C-alpha atoms as a PDB file:
ATOM      1  CA  UNK A   1      -4.428   1.406  22.891  1.00  0.00           C
ATOM      2  CA  UNK A   2      -7.462   0.994  20.650  1.00  0.00           C
ATOM      3  CA  UNK A   3      -6.953  -0.431  17.193  1.00  0.00           C
ATOM      4  CA  UNK A   4      -7.010   2.235  14.488  1.00  0.00           C
ATOM      5  CA  UNK A   5      -9.734   2.182  11.883  1.00  0.00           C
ATOM      6  CA  UNK A   6      -8.924   1.114   8.335  1.00  0.00           C
ATOM      7  CA  UNK A   7     -10.251   2.506   5.066  1.00  0.00           C
ATOM      8  CA  UNK A   8     -10.194   0.937   1.600  1.00  0.00           C
ATOM      9  CA  UNK A   9      -9.240   3.429  -1.114  1.00  0.00           C
ATOM     10  CA  UNK A  10     -11.630   3.237  -4.035  1.00  0.00           C
ATOM     11  CA  UNK A  11      -9.311   2.776  -7.000  1.00  0.00           C
ATOM     12  CA  UNK A  12      -6.985   0.074  -8.310  1.00  0.00           C
ATOM     13  CA  UNK A  13      -3.234   0.577  -7.973  1.00  0.00           C
ATOM     14  CA  UNK A  14      -0.118  -0.623  -9.759  1.00  0.00           C
ATOM     15  CA  UNK A  15       3.420  -1.045  -8.460  1.00  0.00           C
ATOM     16  CA  UNK A  16       6.188  -0.085 -10.867  1.00  0.00           C
ATOM     17  CA  UNK A  17       9.924  -0.736 -10.859  1.00  0.00           C
ATOM     18  CA  UNK A  18      12.318   1.452 -12.788  1.00  0.00           C
ATOM     19  CA  UNK A  19      16.082   1.902 -12.905  1.00  0.00           C
ATOM     20  CA  UNK A  20      17.576   3.818  -9.966  1.00  0.00           C
ATOM     21  CA  UNK A  21      18.291   6.862 -12.118  1.00  0.00           C
ATOM     22  CA  UNK A  22      14.989   6.874 -14.028  1.00  0.00           C
ATOM     23  CA  UNK A  23      13.032  10.067 -14.424  1.00  0.00           C
ATOM     24  CA  UNK A  24       9.712  10.160 -12.608  1.00  0.00           C
ATOM     25  CA  UNK A  25       6.931  10.417 -15.196  1.00  0.00           C
ATOM     26  CA  UNK A  26       5.079  13.739 -14.844  1.00  0.00           C
ATOM     27  CA  UNK A  27       1.719  11.915 -14.868  1.00  0.00           C
ATOM     28  CA  UNK A  28       2.693  10.183 -11.611  1.00  0.00           C
ATOM     29  CA  UNK A  29       3.410  13.489  -9.910  1.00  0.00           C
ATOM     30  CA  UNK A  30      -0.056  14.823 -10.736  1.00  0.00           C
ATOM     31  CA  UNK A  31      -1.831  11.937  -8.964  1.00  0.00           C
ATOM     32  CA  UNK A  32      -3.346  12.828  -5.609  1.00  0.00           C
ATOM     33  CA  UNK A  33      -1.995   9.512  -4.291  1.00  0.00           C
ATOM     34  CA  UNK A  34       1.449   8.365  -5.360  1.00  0.00           C
ATOM     35  CA  UNK A  35       4.425   6.951  -3.514  1.00  0.00           C
ATOM     36  CA  UNK A  36       7.993   6.985  -4.783  1.00  0.00           C
ATOM     37  CA  UNK A  37      11.047   5.304  -3.300  1.00  0.00           C
ATOM     38  CA  UNK A  38      14.511   5.523  -4.805  1.00  0.00           C
ATOM     39  CA  UNK A  39      17.547   3.494  -3.765  1.00  0.00           C
ATOM     40  CA  UNK A  40      20.868   2.757  -5.401  1.00  0.00           C
ATOM     41  CA  UNK A  41      19.235  -0.359  -6.900  1.00  0.00           C
ATOM     42  CA  UNK A  42      15.817   0.802  -8.128  1.00  0.00           C
ATOM     43  CA  UNK A  43      13.047   3.362  -8.231  1.00  0.00           C
ATOM     44  CA  UNK A  44       9.676   2.064  -7.055  1.00  0.00           C
ATOM     45  CA  UNK A  45       6.428   3.876  -7.783  1.00  0.00           C
ATOM     46  CA  UNK A  46       2.916   3.143  -6.530  1.00  0.00           C
ATOM     47  CA  UNK A  47       0.125   5.020  -8.250  1.00  0.00           C
ATOM     48  CA  UNK A  48      -3.362   4.488  -9.652  1.00  0.00           C
ATOM     49  CA  UNK A  49      -3.497   1.865 -12.382  1.00  0.00           C
ATOM     50  CA  UNK A  50      -4.899   4.468 -14.753  1.00  0.00           C
ATOM     51  CA  UNK A  51      -1.387   5.955 -15.009  1.00  0.00           C
ATOM     52  CA  UNK A  52       0.997   4.274 -17.436  1.00  0.00           C
ATOM     53  CA  UNK A  53       4.680   4.192 -16.503  1.00  0.00           C
ATOM     54  CA  UNK A  54       6.565   3.481 -19.728  1.00  0.00           C
ATOM     55  CA  UNK A  55       9.579   1.192 -19.497  1.00  0.00           C
ATOM     56  CA  UNK A  56       8.682  -0.063 -16.020  1.00  0.00           C
ATOM     57  CA  UNK A  57       8.283  -3.570 -14.770  1.00  0.00           C
ATOM     58  CA  UNK A  58       4.682  -3.312 -13.578  1.00  0.00           C
ATOM     59  CA  UNK A  59       2.568  -5.346 -11.174  1.00  0.00           C
ATOM     60  CA  UNK A  60      -1.093  -4.377 -11.517  1.00  0.00           C
ATOM     61  CA  UNK A  61      -4.206  -5.470  -9.675  1.00  0.00           C
ATOM     62  CA  UNK A  62      -3.629  -4.064  -6.200  1.00  0.00           C
ATOM     63  CA  UNK A  63      -6.084  -2.500  -3.753  1.00  0.00           C
ATOM     64  CA  UNK A  64      -5.035  -0.178  -0.956  1.00  0.00           C
ATOM     65  CA  UNK A  65      -6.074  -0.264   2.699  1.00  0.00           C
ATOM     66  CA  UNK A  66      -5.228   2.890   4.648  1.00  0.00           C
ATOM     67  CA  UNK A  67      -4.611   2.860   8.380  1.00  0.00           C
ATOM     68  CA  UNK A  68      -6.427   5.955   9.622  1.00  0.00           C
ATOM     69  CA  UNK A  69      -3.806   8.103  11.309  1.00  0.00           C
ATOM     70  CA  UNK A  70      -1.891   9.876  12.388  1.00  0.00           C
ATOM     71  CA  UNK A  71      -0.099   7.104  14.216  1.00  0.00           C
ATOM     72  CA  UNK A  72       2.324   8.150  16.920  1.00  0.00           C
ATOM     73  CA  UNK A  73       5.924   7.041  16.378  1.00  0.00           C
ATOM     74  CA  UNK A  74       5.833   5.414  19.832  1.00  0.00           C
ATOM     75  CA  UNK A  75       3.281   2.827  18.620  1.00  0.00           C
ATOM     76  CA  UNK A  76       5.020  -0.502  18.111  1.00  0.00           C
ATOM     77  CA  UNK A  77       3.959  -3.628  16.291  1.00  0.00           C
ATOM     78  CA  UNK A  78       0.982  -2.266  14.350  1.00  0.00           C
ATOM     79  CA  UNK A  79       2.340  -3.054  10.899  1.00  0.00           C
ATOM     80  CA  UNK A  80       3.641  -6.392  12.183  1.00  0.00           C
ATOM     81  CA  UNK A  81       0.177  -7.296  13.511  1.00  0.00           C
ATOM     82  CA  UNK A  82      -1.599  -6.329  10.300  1.00  0.00           C
ATOM     83  CA  UNK A  83       0.991  -8.290   8.305  1.00  0.00           C
ATOM     84  CA  UNK A  84       0.579 -11.318  10.580  1.00  0.00           C
ATOM     85  CA  UNK A  85      -3.199 -11.287  10.145  1.00  0.00           C
ATOM     86  CA  UNK A  86      -2.943 -11.134   6.371  1.00  0.00           C
ATOM     87  CA  UNK A  87      -0.135 -13.718   6.263  1.00  0.00           C
ATOM     88  CA  UNK A  88      -2.280 -16.057   8.340  1.00  0.00           C
ATOM     89  CA  UNK A  89      -4.858 -15.929   5.557  1.00  0.00           C
ATOM     90  CA  UNK A  90      -2.188 -16.378   2.883  1.00  0.00           C
ATOM     91  CA  UNK A  91      -2.663 -12.836   1.554  1.00  0.00           C
ATOM     92  CA  UNK A  92       0.459 -11.094   0.297  1.00  0.00           C
ATOM     93  CA  UNK A  93       0.976  -7.400   0.876  1.00  0.00           C
ATOM     94  CA  UNK A  94       3.083  -4.458  -0.177  1.00  0.00           C
ATOM     95  CA  UNK A  95       3.411  -2.042   2.733  1.00  0.00           C
ATOM     96  CA  UNK A  96       3.954   1.710   2.488  1.00  0.00           C
ATOM     97  CA  UNK A  97       4.666   4.017   5.368  1.00  0.00           C
ATOM     98  CA  UNK A  98       4.446   7.786   5.562  1.00  0.00           C
ATOM     99  CA  UNK A  99       5.113  10.185   8.407  1.00  0.00           C
ATOM    100  CA  UNK A 100       1.490   9.940   9.591  1.00  0.00           C
ATOM    101  CA  UNK A 101       0.305   6.456   8.717  1.00  0.00           C
ATOM    102  CA  UNK A 102       0.664   3.150   6.878  1.00  0.00           C
ATOM    103  CA  UNK A 103      -0.921   1.747   3.735  1.00  0.00           C
ATOM    104  CA  UNK A 104      -1.295  -1.927   2.843  1.00  0.00           C
ATOM    105  CA  UNK A 105      -1.605  -2.929  -0.775  1.00  0.00           C
ATOM    106  CA  UNK A 106      -3.191  -6.339  -1.218  1.00  0.00           C
ATOM    107  CA  UNK A 107      -4.082  -8.186  -4.406  1.00  0.00           C
ATOM    108  CA  UNK A 108      -7.458  -6.873  -5.578  1.00  0.00           C
ATOM    109  CA  UNK A 109      -8.609 -10.457  -6.060  1.00  0.00           C
ATOM    110  CA  UNK A 110      -8.171 -10.979  -2.291  1.00  0.00           C
ATOM    111  CA  UNK A 111      -9.471  -7.614  -1.026  1.00  0.00           C
ATOM    112  CA  UNK A 112     -12.810  -8.922   0.266  1.00  0.00           C
ATOM    113  CA  UNK A 113     -11.022 -11.681   2.162  1.00  0.00           C
ATOM    114  CA  UNK A 114      -8.482  -9.190   3.580  1.00  0.00           C
ATOM    115  CA  UNK A 115     -11.300  -6.956   4.824  1.00  0.00           C
ATOM    116  CA  UNK A 116     -13.001  -9.969   6.419  1.00  0.00           C
ATOM    117  CA  UNK A 117      -9.938 -11.262   8.289  1.00  0.00           C
ATOM    118  CA  UNK A 118      -8.939  -7.791   9.471  1.00  0.00           C
ATOM    119  CA  UNK A 119     -12.503  -7.189  10.645  1.00  0.00           C
ATOM    120  CA  UNK A 120     -12.502 -10.475  12.555  1.00  0.00           C
ATOM    121  CA  UNK A 121      -9.290  -9.334  14.247  1.00  0.00           C
ATOM    122  CA  UNK A 122     -11.083  -6.265  15.582  1.00  0.00           C
ATOM    123  CA  UNK A 123     -10.253  -3.627  12.963  1.00  0.00           C
ATOM    124  CA  UNK A 124     -13.142  -1.428  11.844  1.00  0.00           C
ATOM    125  CA  UNK A 125     -13.134  -0.992   8.078  1.00  0.00           C
END
């Protein structure tokens, strides 16, 4: 199978942690790109850095690389391979998965390097 293309989204992102029962700020829900996960231990939100999430523990300075999908559920190892490539360069990531595709958040300060190492591994960006 050919490697899927990747695309860098053109805005900075922040990752927020709230209590498990926290209300989702309405400003988050109006973003065209947001991701919310809730467990019995926390609520995590990823959204553009322009949105403030009051009361959250926030990690800012992330860039997002989208795997162009949809990716069939039968595909195995794609996220593991992308993670391995970035780990080999010492680049941390925060991975998001949706029904159709995956997103990799990398520190914005390392985005150019991430694009380079993924390109060298055969991914078109």
